Amino acid sequence: MAISFELAGHVLGLMIDRDITKSYLDEIHFLIEEKLKENDTINLFCEIMPNNEVPLKLLLENIKFKYDHSDQINKIAFVTDLGWVRGIMELDNFFVATEVRTFDLKDRLEAIQWIS
């Protein structure tokens, strides 16, 4: 099961601790949907821990999920040392109403402050 934690009542934190697969992405989406049952809108903190792979196909599937839920997700702080992933996530701002900001791993605390 994906690692999740609550930063505040409306803020869900996710730690991506292994390579992203279709089933792992489904687990992550399930956790988000469960949080959305408790709150009308939420903010997300998502950190991809070092040395984990993110296939482009699944990253694009995740963008579709965000698009489908953009009226329920206000902000996403995305933390990773994968520059290409940060670049694609920043493009999300053109497709979804959700405000997306990306951060390097070293800026994790700044991301938590922004999302809270």
PDB file of N, CA and C in Angstrom:
ATOM      1  N   MET A   1       0.845  -1.181   0.000  1.00  0.00           N
ATOM      2  CA  MET A   1       0.000   0.000   0.000  1.00  0.00           C
ATOM      3  C   MET A   1       0.888   1.242   0.000  1.00  0.00           C
ATOM      4  N   ALA A   2       0.458   2.242  -0.701  1.00  0.00           N
ATOM      5  CA  ALA A   2       1.195   3.500  -0.780  1.00  0.00           C
ATOM      6  C   ALA A   2       1.255   4.154   0.604  1.00  0.00           C
ATOM      7  N   ILE A   3       2.317   4.876   0.855  1.00  0.00           N
ATOM      8  CA  ILE A   3       2.485   5.574   2.128  1.00  0.00           C
ATOM      9  C   ILE A   3       1.766   6.910   2.049  1.00  0.00           C
ATOM     10  N   SER A   4       0.858   7.138   2.990  1.00  0.00           N
ATOM     11  CA  SER A   4       0.148   8.416   3.021  1.00  0.00           C
ATOM     12  C   SER A   4       0.151   8.955   4.441  1.00  0.00           C
ATOM     13  N   PHE A   5      -0.030  10.266   4.562  1.00  0.00           N
ATOM     14  CA  PHE A   5      -0.110  10.911   5.863  1.00  0.00           C
ATOM     15  C   PHE A   5      -0.942  12.178   5.706  1.00  0.00           C
ATOM     16  N   GLU A   6      -1.417  12.683   6.820  1.00  0.00           N
ATOM     17  CA  GLU A   6      -2.245  13.881   6.789  1.00  0.00           C
ATOM     18  C   GLU A   6      -1.436  15.050   7.333  1.00  0.00           C
ATOM     19  N   LEU A   7      -1.314  16.114   6.551  1.00  0.00           N
ATOM     20  CA  LEU A   7      -0.627  17.324   6.996  1.00  0.00           C
ATOM     21  C   LEU A   7      -1.597  18.248   7.711  1.00  0.00           C
ATOM     22  N   ALA A   8      -2.832  18.249   7.273  1.00  0.00           N
ATOM     23  CA  ALA A   8      -3.928  19.001   7.870  1.00  0.00           C
ATOM     24  C   ALA A   8      -5.194  18.272   7.427  1.00  0.00           C
ATOM     25  N   GLY A   9      -6.344  18.648   7.933  1.00  0.00           N
ATOM     26  CA  GLY A   9      -7.571  17.950   7.604  1.00  0.00           C
ATOM     27  C   GLY A   9      -7.834  17.848   6.116  1.00  0.00           C
ATOM     28  N   HIS A  10      -7.431  18.858   5.382  1.00  0.00           N
ATOM     29  CA  HIS A  10      -7.701  18.896   3.940  1.00  0.00           C
ATOM     30  C   HIS A  10      -6.454  18.642   3.087  1.00  0.00           C
ATOM     31  N   VAL A  11      -5.338  18.275   3.714  1.00  0.00           N
ATOM     32  CA  VAL A  11      -4.081  18.075   2.982  1.00  0.00           C
ATOM     33  C   VAL A  11      -3.627  16.628   3.130  1.00  0.00           C
ATOM     34  N   LEU A  12      -3.532  15.943   1.996  1.00  0.00           N
ATOM     35  CA  LEU A  12      -3.071  14.561   1.967  1.00  0.00           C
ATOM     36  C   LEU A  12      -1.631  14.525   1.477  1.00  0.00           C
ATOM     37  N   GLY A  13      -0.783  13.837   2.212  1.00  0.00           N
ATOM     38  CA  GLY A  13       0.606  13.638   1.810  1.00  0.00           C
ATOM     39  C   GLY A  13       0.809  12.236   1.292  1.00  0.00           C
ATOM     40  N   LEU A  14       1.563  12.109   0.218  1.00  0.00           N
ATOM     41  CA  LEU A  14       1.875  10.813  -0.381  1.00  0.00           C
ATOM     42  C   LEU A  14       3.375  10.704  -0.581  1.00  0.00           C
ATOM     43  N   MET A  15       3.932   9.580  -0.156  1.00  0.00           N
ATOM     44  CA  MET A  15       5.351   9.301  -0.362  1.00  0.00           C
ATOM     45  C   MET A  15       5.448   8.136  -1.338  1.00  0.00           C
ATOM     46  N   ILE A  16       6.000   8.390  -2.507  1.00  0.00           N
ATOM     47  CA  ILE A  16       6.154   7.367  -3.531  1.00  0.00           C
ATOM     48  C   ILE A  16       7.471   6.662  -3.258  1.00  0.00           C
ATOM     49  N   ASP A  17       7.381   5.455  -2.676  1.00  0.00           N
ATOM     50  CA  ASP A  17       8.563   4.770  -2.168  1.00  0.00           C
ATOM     51  C   ASP A  17       9.040   3.606  -3.029  1.00  0.00           C
ATOM     52  N   ARG A  18       8.460   3.480  -4.221  1.00  0.00           N
ATOM     53  CA  ARG A  18       8.916   2.434  -5.147  1.00  0.00           C
ATOM     54  C   ARG A  18       8.582   2.851  -6.576  1.00  0.00           C
ATOM     55  N   ASP A  19       9.062   2.082  -7.538  1.00  0.00           N
ATOM     56  CA  ASP A  19       8.780   2.383  -8.939  1.00  0.00           C
ATOM     57  C   ASP A  19       7.271   2.415  -9.167  1.00  0.00           C
ATOM     58  N   ILE A  20       6.831   3.345 -10.005  1.00  0.00           N
ATOM     59  CA  ILE A  20       5.405   3.464 -10.311  1.00  0.00           C
ATOM     60  C   ILE A  20       5.012   2.381 -11.314  1.00  0.00           C
ATOM     61  N   THR A  21       4.009   1.615 -10.931  1.00  0.00           N
ATOM     62  CA  THR A  21       3.390   0.630 -11.814  1.00  0.00           C
ATOM     63  C   THR A  21       1.912   0.993 -11.917  1.00  0.00           C
ATOM     64  N   LYS A  22       1.206   0.358 -12.790  1.00  0.00           N
ATOM     65  CA  LYS A  22      -0.223   0.611 -12.936  1.00  0.00           C
ATOM     66  C   LYS A  22      -0.953   0.318 -11.623  1.00  0.00           C
ATOM     67  N   SER A  23      -0.650  -0.786 -10.982  1.00  0.00           N
ATOM     68  CA  SER A  23      -1.342  -1.133  -9.733  1.00  0.00           C
ATOM     69  C   SER A  23      -0.979  -0.162  -8.607  1.00  0.00           C
ATOM     70  N   TYR A  24       0.271   0.280  -8.562  1.00  0.00           N
ATOM     71  CA  TYR A  24       0.674   1.243  -7.531  1.00  0.00           C
ATOM     72  C   TYR A  24      -0.015   2.588  -7.766  1.00  0.00           C
ATOM     73  N   LEU A  25      -0.109   3.018  -9.023  1.00  0.00           N
ATOM     74  CA  LEU A  25      -0.809   4.258  -9.342  1.00  0.00           C
ATOM     75  C   LEU A  25      -2.284   4.148  -8.957  1.00  0.00           C
ATOM     76  N   ASP A  26      -2.891   2.980  -9.170  1.00  0.00           N
ATOM     77  CA  ASP A  26      -4.284   2.763  -8.760  1.00  0.00           C
ATOM     78  C   ASP A  26      -4.436   2.901  -7.241  1.00  0.00           C
ATOM     79  N   GLU A  27      -3.460   2.397  -6.473  1.00  0.00           N
ATOM     80  CA  GLU A  27      -3.483   2.543  -5.009  1.00  0.00           C
ATOM     81  C   GLU A  27      -3.452   4.020  -4.612  1.00  0.00           C
ATOM     82  N   ILE A  28      -2.583   4.772  -5.270  1.00  0.00           N
ATOM     83  CA  ILE A  28      -2.452   6.203  -4.983  1.00  0.00           C
ATOM     84  C   ILE A  28      -3.757   6.927  -5.293  1.00  0.00           C
ATOM     85  N   HIS A  29      -4.338   6.627  -6.441  1.00  0.00           N
ATOM     86  CA  HIS A  29      -5.610   7.260  -6.815  1.00  0.00           C
ATOM     87  C   HIS A  29      -6.721   6.876  -5.846  1.00  0.00           C
ATOM     88  N   PHE A  30      -6.709   5.643  -5.354  1.00  0.00           N
ATOM     89  CA  PHE A  30      -7.697   5.204  -4.362  1.00  0.00           C
ATOM     90  C   PHE A  30      -7.579   6.037  -3.086  1.00  0.00           C
ATOM     91  N   LEU A  31      -6.354   6.256  -2.607  1.00  0.00           N
ATOM     92  CA  LEU A  31      -6.148   7.064  -1.397  1.00  0.00           C
ATOM     93  C   LEU A  31      -6.671   8.485  -1.588  1.00  0.00           C
ATOM     94  N   ILE A  32      -6.431   9.048  -2.756  1.00  0.00           N
ATOM     95  CA  ILE A  32      -6.912  10.399  -3.045  1.00  0.00           C
ATOM     96  C   ILE A  32      -8.434  10.430  -3.064  1.00  0.00           C
ATOM     97  N   GLU A  33      -9.034   9.454  -3.719  1.00  0.00           N
ATOM     98  CA  GLU A  33     -10.502   9.408  -3.785  1.00  0.00           C
ATOM     99  C   GLU A  33     -11.125   9.217  -2.405  1.00  0.00           C
ATOM    100  N   GLU A  34     -10.478   8.438  -1.537  1.00  0.00           N
ATOM    101  CA  GLU A  34     -10.975   8.270  -0.164  1.00  0.00           C
ATOM    102  C   GLU A  34     -10.926   9.604   0.590  1.00  0.00           C
ATOM    103  N   LYS A  35      -9.861  10.361   0.405  1.00  0.00           N
ATOM    104  CA  LYS A  35      -9.735  11.674   1.049  1.00  0.00           C
ATOM    105  C   LYS A  35     -10.805  12.625   0.522  1.00  0.00           C
ATOM    106  N   LEU A  36     -11.122  12.505  -0.770  1.00  0.00           N
ATOM    107  CA  LEU A  36     -12.157  13.359  -1.366  1.00  0.00           C
ATOM    108  C   LEU A  36     -13.546  13.027  -0.834  1.00  0.00           C
ATOM    109  N   LYS A  37     -13.749  11.826  -0.319  1.00  0.00           N
ATOM    110  CA  LYS A  37     -15.023  11.473   0.309  1.00  0.00           C
ATOM    111  C   LYS A  37     -15.200  12.203   1.640  1.00  0.00           C
ATOM    112  N   GLU A  38     -14.074  12.550   2.281  1.00  0.00           N
ATOM    113  CA  GLU A  38     -14.092  13.232   3.578  1.00  0.00           C
ATOM    114  C   GLU A  38     -14.143  14.750   3.439  1.00  0.00           C
ATOM    115  N   ASN A  39     -13.660  15.278   2.324  1.00  0.00           N
ATOM    116  CA  ASN A  39     -13.539  16.727   2.124  1.00  0.00           C
ATOM    117  C   ASN A  39     -14.042  17.088   0.728  1.00  0.00           C
ATOM    118  N   ASP A  40     -14.695  18.223   0.618  1.00  0.00           N
ATOM    119  CA  ASP A  40     -15.149  18.683  -0.702  1.00  0.00           C
ATOM    120  C   ASP A  40     -13.973  18.986  -1.621  1.00  0.00           C
ATOM    121  N   THR A  41     -12.935  19.609  -1.048  1.00  0.00           N
ATOM    122  CA  THR A  41     -11.716  19.908  -1.800  1.00  0.00           C
ATOM    123  C   THR A  41     -10.513  19.575  -0.932  1.00  0.00           C
ATOM    124  N   ILE A  42      -9.411  19.249  -1.583  1.00  0.00           N
ATOM    125  CA  ILE A  42      -8.190  18.900  -0.864  1.00  0.00           C
ATOM    126  C   ILE A  42      -6.976  19.521  -1.547  1.00  0.00           C
ATOM    127  N   ASN A  43      -5.867  19.503  -0.823  1.00  0.00           N
ATOM    128  CA  ASN A  43      -4.549  19.807  -1.356  1.00  0.00           C
ATOM    129  C   ASN A  43      -3.723  18.537  -1.251  1.00  0.00           C
ATOM    130  N   LEU A  44      -2.779  18.342  -2.177  1.00  0.00           N
ATOM    131  CA  LEU A  44      -1.933  17.156  -2.182  1.00  0.00           C
ATOM    132  C   LEU A  44      -0.466  17.526  -2.094  1.00  0.00           C
ATOM    133  N   PHE A  45       0.253  16.784  -1.272  1.00  0.00           N
ATOM    134  CA  PHE A  45       1.710  16.822  -1.226  1.00  0.00           C
ATOM    135  C   PHE A  45       2.154  15.459  -1.733  1.00  0.00           C
ATOM    136  N   CYS A  46       2.949  15.428  -2.792  1.00  0.00           N
ATOM    137  CA  CYS A  46       3.397  14.160  -3.366  1.00  0.00           C
ATOM    138  C   CYS A  46       4.907  14.207  -3.546  1.00  0.00           C
ATOM    139  N   GLU A  47       5.586  13.255  -2.915  1.00  0.00           N
ATOM    140  CA  GLU A  47       7.042  13.190  -3.037  1.00  0.00           C
ATOM    141  C   GLU A  47       7.452  11.855  -3.635  1.00  0.00           C
ATOM    142  N   ILE A  48       8.195  11.921  -4.726  1.00  0.00           N
ATOM    143  CA  ILE A  48       8.797  10.714  -5.290  1.00  0.00           C
ATOM    144  C   ILE A  48      10.165  10.576  -4.648  1.00  0.00           C
ATOM    145  N   MET A  49      10.317   9.556  -3.830  1.00  0.00           N
ATOM    146  CA  MET A  49      11.578   9.351  -3.130  1.00  0.00           C
ATOM    147  C   MET A  49      12.665   8.961  -4.137  1.00  0.00           C
ATOM    148  N   PRO A  50      13.928   9.197  -3.805  1.00  0.00           N
ATOM    149  CA  PRO A  50      15.030   8.947  -4.753  1.00  0.00           C
ATOM    150  C   PRO A  50      15.065   7.521  -5.296  1.00  0.00           C
ATOM    151  N   ASN A  51      15.542   7.414  -6.532  1.00  0.00           N
ATOM    152  CA  ASN A  51      15.792   6.141  -7.210  1.00  0.00           C
ATOM    153  C   ASN A  51      14.534   5.361  -7.576  1.00  0.00           C
ATOM    154  N   ASN A  52      13.421   6.049  -7.748  1.00  0.00           N
ATOM    155  CA  ASN A  52      12.192   5.394  -8.174  1.00  0.00           C
ATOM    156  C   ASN A  52      11.865   5.820  -9.601  1.00  0.00           C
ATOM    157  N   GLU A  53      11.442   4.866 -10.402  1.00  0.00           N
ATOM    158  CA  GLU A  53      11.134   5.097 -11.808  1.00  0.00           C
ATOM    159  C   GLU A  53       9.682   5.532 -11.992  1.00  0.00           C
ATOM    160  N   VAL A  54       9.474   6.438 -12.947  1.00  0.00           N
ATOM    161  CA  VAL A  54       8.143   6.916 -13.291  1.00  0.00           C
ATOM    162  C   VAL A  54       7.981   6.806 -14.806  1.00  0.00           C
ATOM    163  N   PRO A  55       7.270   5.778 -15.284  1.00  0.00           N
ATOM    164  CA  PRO A  55       7.069   5.660 -16.732  1.00  0.00           C
ATOM    165  C   PRO A  55       6.218   6.818 -17.264  1.00  0.00           C
ATOM    166  N   LEU A  56       6.599   7.340 -18.420  1.00  0.00           N
ATOM    167  CA  LEU A  56       5.883   8.457 -19.022  1.00  0.00           C
ATOM    168  C   LEU A  56       4.406   8.132 -19.222  1.00  0.00           C
ATOM    169  N   LYS A  57       4.094   6.932 -19.672  1.00  0.00           N
ATOM    170  CA  LYS A  57       2.700   6.531 -19.912  1.00  0.00           C
ATOM    171  C   LYS A  57       1.859   6.695 -18.640  1.00  0.00           C
ATOM    172  N   LEU A  58       2.398   6.286 -17.494  1.00  0.00           N
ATOM    173  CA  LEU A  58       1.644   6.380 -16.241  1.00  0.00           C
ATOM    174  C   LEU A  58       1.583   7.819 -15.737  1.00  0.00           C
ATOM    175  N   LEU A  59       2.605   8.604 -16.022  1.00  0.00           N
ATOM    176  CA  LEU A  59       2.556  10.013 -15.658  1.00  0.00           C
ATOM    177  C   LEU A  59       1.443  10.713 -16.441  1.00  0.00           C
ATOM    178  N   LEU A  60       1.290  10.370 -17.704  1.00  0.00           N
ATOM    179  CA  LEU A  60       0.214  10.943 -18.509  1.00  0.00           C
ATOM    180  C   LEU A  60      -1.152  10.474 -18.018  1.00  0.00           C
ATOM    181  N   GLU A  61      -1.251   9.228 -17.571  1.00  0.00           N
ATOM    182  CA  GLU A  61      -2.504   8.729 -16.991  1.00  0.00           C
ATOM    183  C   GLU A  61      -2.838   9.515 -15.718  1.00  0.00           C
ATOM    184  N   ASN A  62      -1.821   9.843 -14.957  1.00  0.00           N
ATOM    185  CA  ASN A  62      -2.024  10.616 -13.743  1.00  0.00           C
ATOM    186  C   ASN A  62      -2.528  12.024 -14.069  1.00  0.00           C
ATOM    187  N   ILE A  63      -2.060  12.609 -15.160  1.00  0.00           N
ATOM    188  CA  ILE A  63      -2.543  13.926 -15.578  1.00  0.00           C
ATOM    189  C   ILE A  63      -4.036  13.860 -15.886  1.00  0.00           C
ATOM    190  N   LYS A  64      -4.476  12.777 -16.519  1.00  0.00           N
ATOM    191  CA  LYS A  64      -5.904  12.607 -16.788  1.00  0.00           C
ATOM    192  C   LYS A  64      -6.693  12.527 -15.476  1.00  0.00           C
ATOM    193  N   PHE A  65      -6.174  11.805 -14.502  1.00  0.00           N
ATOM    194  CA  PHE A  65      -6.831  11.712 -13.191  1.00  0.00           C
ATOM    195  C   PHE A  65      -6.959  13.103 -12.575  1.00  0.00           C
ATOM    196  N   LYS A  66      -5.891  13.879 -12.636  1.00  0.00           N
ATOM    197  CA  LYS A  66      -5.930  15.246 -12.080  1.00  0.00           C
ATOM    198  C   LYS A  66      -6.933  16.103 -12.832  1.00  0.00           C
ATOM    199  N   TYR A  67      -6.994  15.948 -14.129  1.00  0.00           N
ATOM    200  CA  TYR A  67      -7.960  16.702 -14.927  1.00  0.00           C
ATOM    201  C   TYR A  67      -9.393  16.339 -14.505  1.00  0.00           C
ATOM    202  N   ASP A  68      -9.645  15.044 -14.334  1.00  0.00           N
ATOM    203  CA  ASP A  68     -10.980  14.584 -13.944  1.00  0.00           C
ATOM    204  C   ASP A  68     -11.384  15.080 -12.552  1.00  0.00           C
ATOM    205  N   HIS A  69     -10.415  15.357 -11.690  1.00  0.00           N
ATOM    206  CA  HIS A  69     -10.686  15.784 -10.315  1.00  0.00           C
ATOM    207  C   HIS A  69     -10.243  17.223 -10.042  1.00  0.00           C
ATOM    208  N   SER A  70      -9.977  17.989 -11.087  1.00  0.00           N
ATOM    209  CA  SER A  70      -9.400  19.326 -10.886  1.00  0.00           C
ATOM    210  C   SER A  70     -10.319  20.278 -10.131  1.00  0.00           C
ATOM    211  N   ASP A  71     -11.617  20.024 -10.140  1.00  0.00           N
ATOM    212  CA  ASP A  71     -12.520  20.884  -9.378  1.00  0.00           C
ATOM    213  C   ASP A  71     -12.524  20.521  -7.899  1.00  0.00           C
ATOM    214  N   GLN A  72     -11.877  19.405  -7.522  1.00  0.00           N
ATOM    215  CA  GLN A  72     -11.831  18.962  -6.132  1.00  0.00           C
ATOM    216  C   GLN A  72     -10.432  19.090  -5.514  1.00  0.00           C
ATOM    217  N   ILE A  73      -9.419  19.240  -6.351  1.00  0.00           N
ATOM    218  CA  ILE A  73      -8.044  19.354  -5.861  1.00  0.00           C
ATOM    219  C   ILE A  73      -7.570  20.778  -6.117  1.00  0.00           C
ATOM    220  N   ASN A  74      -7.379  21.532  -5.037  1.00  0.00           N
ATOM    221  CA  ASN A  74      -6.986  22.941  -5.162  1.00  0.00           C
ATOM    222  C   ASN A  74      -5.520  23.107  -5.558  1.00  0.00           C
ATOM    223  N   LYS A  75      -4.627  22.416  -4.822  1.00  0.00           N
ATOM    224  CA  LYS A  75      -3.190  22.588  -5.006  1.00  0.00           C
ATOM    225  C   LYS A  75      -2.491  21.243  -4.933  1.00  0.00           C
ATOM    226  N   ILE A  76      -1.420  21.134  -5.695  1.00  0.00           N
ATOM    227  CA  ILE A  76      -0.546  19.968  -5.609  1.00  0.00           C
ATOM    228  C   ILE A  76       0.887  20.455  -5.509  1.00  0.00           C
ATOM    229  N   ALA A  77       1.579  20.019  -4.463  1.00  0.00           N
ATOM    230  CA  ALA A  77       3.019  20.235  -4.337  1.00  0.00           C
ATOM    231  C   ALA A  77       3.680  18.922  -4.728  1.00  0.00           C
ATOM    232  N   PHE A  78       4.483  18.951  -5.770  1.00  0.00           N
ATOM    233  CA  PHE A  78       5.106  17.751  -6.313  1.00  0.00           C
ATOM    234  C   PHE A  78       6.606  17.848  -6.081  1.00  0.00           C
ATOM    235  N   VAL A  79       7.159  16.909  -5.309  1.00  0.00           N
ATOM    236  CA  VAL A  79       8.563  16.961  -4.905  1.00  0.00           C
ATOM    237  C   VAL A  79       9.306  15.768  -5.497  1.00  0.00           C
ATOM    238  N   THR A  80      10.357  16.051  -6.268  1.00  0.00           N
ATOM    239  CA  THR A  80      11.154  14.983  -6.870  1.00  0.00           C
ATOM    240  C   THR A  80      12.491  15.534  -7.352  1.00  0.00           C
ATOM    241  N   ASP A  81      13.457  14.639  -7.470  1.00  0.00           N
ATOM    242  CA  ASP A  81      14.732  15.044  -8.070  1.00  0.00           C
ATOM    243  C   ASP A  81      14.766  14.726  -9.563  1.00  0.00           C
ATOM    244  N   LEU A  82      13.651  14.224 -10.122  1.00  0.00           N
ATOM    245  CA  LEU A  82      13.549  13.924 -11.551  1.00  0.00           C
ATOM    246  C   LEU A  82      13.112  15.186 -12.303  1.00  0.00           C
ATOM    247  N   GLY A  83      14.070  15.854 -12.922  1.00  0.00           N
ATOM    248  CA  GLY A  83      13.788  17.115 -13.608  1.00  0.00           C
ATOM    249  C   GLY A  83      12.746  16.988 -14.706  1.00  0.00           C
ATOM    250  N   TRP A  84      12.784  15.914 -15.477  1.00  0.00           N
ATOM    251  CA  TRP A  84      11.820  15.754 -16.571  1.00  0.00           C
ATOM    252  C   TRP A  84      10.402  15.604 -16.028  1.00  0.00           C
ATOM    253  N   VAL A  85      10.245  14.967 -14.857  1.00  0.00           N
ATOM    254  CA  VAL A  85       8.915  14.825 -14.245  1.00  0.00           C
ATOM    255  C   VAL A  85       8.421  16.191 -13.779  1.00  0.00           C
ATOM    256  N   ARG A  86       9.305  16.981 -13.164  1.00  0.00           N
ATOM    257  CA  ARG A  86       8.917  18.327 -12.736  1.00  0.00           C
ATOM    258  C   ARG A  86       8.464  19.154 -13.936  1.00  0.00           C
ATOM    259  N   GLY A  87       9.168  19.036 -15.063  1.00  0.00           N
ATOM    260  CA  GLY A  87       8.810  19.779 -16.262  1.00  0.00           C
ATOM    261  C   GLY A  87       7.419  19.430 -16.764  1.00  0.00           C
ATOM    262  N   ILE A  88       7.103  18.150 -16.803  1.00  0.00           N
ATOM    263  CA  ILE A  88       5.773  17.729 -17.253  1.00  0.00           C
ATOM    264  C   ILE A  88       4.706  18.168 -16.265  1.00  0.00           C
ATOM    265  N   MET A  89       4.988  18.081 -14.968  1.00  0.00           N
ATOM    266  CA  MET A  89       4.011  18.486 -13.955  1.00  0.00           C
ATOM    267  C   MET A  89       3.714  19.984 -14.055  1.00  0.00           C
ATOM    268  N   GLU A  90       4.719  20.779 -14.374  1.00  0.00           N
ATOM    269  CA  GLU A  90       4.494  22.213 -14.518  1.00  0.00           C
ATOM    270  C   GLU A  90       3.617  22.520 -15.726  1.00  0.00           C
ATOM    271  N   LEU A  91       3.645  21.666 -16.742  1.00  0.00           N
ATOM    272  CA  LEU A  91       2.759  21.837 -17.892  1.00  0.00           C
ATOM    273  C   LEU A  91       1.299  21.603 -17.514  1.00  0.00           C
ATOM    274  N   ASP A  92       1.078  20.862 -16.442  1.00  0.00           N
ATOM    275  CA  ASP A  92      -0.289  20.608 -15.965  1.00  0.00           C
ATOM    276  C   ASP A  92      -1.072  21.897 -15.754  1.00  0.00           C
ATOM    277  N   ASN A  93      -0.391  22.942 -15.364  1.00  0.00           N
ATOM    278  CA  ASN A  93      -1.083  24.204 -15.079  1.00  0.00           C
ATOM    279  C   ASN A  93      -1.857  24.716 -16.287  1.00  0.00           C
ATOM    280  N   PHE A  94      -1.500  24.270 -17.488  1.00  0.00           N
ATOM    281  CA  PHE A  94      -2.213  24.682 -18.693  1.00  0.00           C
ATOM    282  C   PHE A  94      -3.462  23.838 -18.948  1.00  0.00           C
ATOM    283  N   PHE A  95      -3.563  22.681 -18.296  1.00  0.00           N
ATOM    284  CA  PHE A  95      -4.645  21.742 -18.584  1.00  0.00           C
ATOM    285  C   PHE A  95      -5.640  21.566 -17.447  1.00  0.00           C
ATOM    286  N   VAL A  96      -5.253  21.892 -16.236  1.00  0.00           N
ATOM    287  CA  VAL A  96      -6.133  21.665 -15.087  1.00  0.00           C
ATOM    288  C   VAL A  96      -6.279  22.948 -14.273  1.00  0.00           C
ATOM    289  N   ALA A  97      -7.402  23.053 -13.569  1.00  0.00           N
ATOM    290  CA  ALA A  97      -7.635  24.214 -12.709  1.00  0.00           C
ATOM    291  C   ALA A  97      -6.787  24.144 -11.444  1.00  0.00           C
ATOM    292  N   THR A  98      -6.324  22.966 -11.110  1.00  0.00           N
ATOM    293  CA  THR A  98      -5.494  22.765  -9.927  1.00  0.00           C
ATOM    294  C   THR A  98      -4.177  23.516 -10.071  1.00  0.00           C
ATOM    295  N   GLU A  99      -3.777  24.216  -9.012  1.00  0.00           N
ATOM    296  CA  GLU A  99      -2.483  24.897  -9.022  1.00  0.00           C
ATOM    297  C   GLU A  99      -1.397  23.885  -8.676  1.00  0.00           C
ATOM    298  N   VAL A 100      -0.462  23.675  -9.584  1.00  0.00           N
ATOM    299  CA  VAL A 100       0.601  22.693  -9.402  1.00  0.00           C
ATOM    300  C   VAL A 100       1.933  23.422  -9.311  1.00  0.00           C
ATOM    301  N   ARG A 101       2.687  23.109  -8.244  1.00  0.00           N
ATOM    302  CA  ARG A 101       4.056  23.629  -8.115  1.00  0.00           C
ATOM    303  C   ARG A 101       4.978  22.456  -7.884  1.00  0.00           C
ATOM    304  N   THR A 102       6.152  22.511  -8.474  1.00  0.00           N
ATOM    305  CA  THR A 102       7.124  21.441  -8.301  1.00  0.00           C
ATOM    306  C   THR A 102       8.303  21.942  -7.479  1.00  0.00           C
ATOM    307  N   PHE A 103       8.925  21.001  -6.784  1.00  0.00           N
ATOM    308  CA  PHE A 103      10.033  21.324  -5.893  1.00  0.00           C
ATOM    309  C   PHE A 103      11.091  20.232  -5.985  1.00  0.00           C
ATOM    310  N   ASP A 104      12.361  20.630  -5.833  1.00  0.00           N
ATOM    311  CA  ASP A 104      13.451  19.665  -5.680  1.00  0.00           C
ATOM    312  C   ASP A 104      13.318  19.019  -4.307  1.00  0.00           C
ATOM    313  N   LEU A 105      13.916  17.836  -4.152  1.00  0.00           N
ATOM    314  CA  LEU A 105      13.869  17.156  -2.858  1.00  0.00           C
ATOM    315  C   LEU A 105      14.425  18.030  -1.733  1.00  0.00           C
ATOM    316  N   LYS A 106      15.444  18.801  -2.042  1.00  0.00           N
ATOM    317  CA  LYS A 106      16.055  19.646  -1.007  1.00  0.00           C
ATOM    318  C   LYS A 106      15.109  20.749  -0.535  1.00  0.00           C
ATOM    319  N   ASP A 107      14.058  21.020  -1.301  1.00  0.00           N
ATOM    320  CA  ASP A 107      13.100  22.076  -0.959  1.00  0.00           C
ATOM    321  C   ASP A 107      11.792  21.514  -0.391  1.00  0.00           C
ATOM    322  N   ARG A 108      11.847  20.317   0.160  1.00  0.00           N
ATOM    323  CA  ARG A 108      10.675  19.627   0.716  1.00  0.00           C
ATOM    324  C   ARG A 108       9.935  20.498   1.737  1.00  0.00           C
ATOM    325  N   LEU A 109      10.652  21.149   2.637  1.00  0.00           N
ATOM    326  CA  LEU A 109       9.996  21.971   3.668  1.00  0.00           C
ATOM    327  C   LEU A 109       9.246  23.154   3.063  1.00  0.00           C
ATOM    328  N   GLU A 110       9.807  23.752   2.030  1.00  0.00           N
ATOM    329  CA  GLU A 110       9.125  24.836   1.327  1.00  0.00           C
ATOM    330  C   GLU A 110       7.829  24.314   0.700  1.00  0.00           C
ATOM    331  N   ALA A 111       7.875  23.111   0.148  1.00  0.00           N
ATOM    332  CA  ALA A 111       6.676  22.508  -0.462  1.00  0.00           C
ATOM    333  C   ALA A 111       5.597  22.273   0.584  1.00  0.00           C
ATOM    334  N   ILE A 112       5.992  21.777   1.746  1.00  0.00           N
ATOM    335  CA  ILE A 112       5.026  21.531   2.824  1.00  0.00           C
ATOM    336  C   ILE A 112       4.407  22.834   3.297  1.00  0.00           C
ATOM    337  N   GLN A 113       5.204  23.879   3.432  1.00  0.00           N
ATOM    338  CA  GLN A 113       4.666  25.177   3.837  1.00  0.00           C
ATOM    339  C   GLN A 113       3.693  25.702   2.789  1.00  0.00           C
ATOM    340  N   TRP A 114       4.036  25.568   1.516  1.00  0.00           N
ATOM    341  CA  TRP A 114       3.169  26.088   0.457  1.00  0.00           C
ATOM    342  C   TRP A 114       1.838  25.340   0.407  1.00  0.00           C
ATOM    343  N   ILE A 115       1.879  24.032   0.565  1.00  0.00           N
ATOM    344  CA  ILE A 115       0.668  23.223   0.430  1.00  0.00           C
ATOM    345  C   ILE A 115      -0.251  23.354   1.634  1.00  0.00           C
ATOM    346  N   SER A 116       0.323  23.656   2.777  1.00  0.00           N
ATOM    347  CA  SER A 116      -0.482  23.765   4.004  1.00  0.00           C
ATOM    348  C   SER A 116      -1.197  25.097   4.085  1.00  0.00           C
TER     349      SER A 116
END
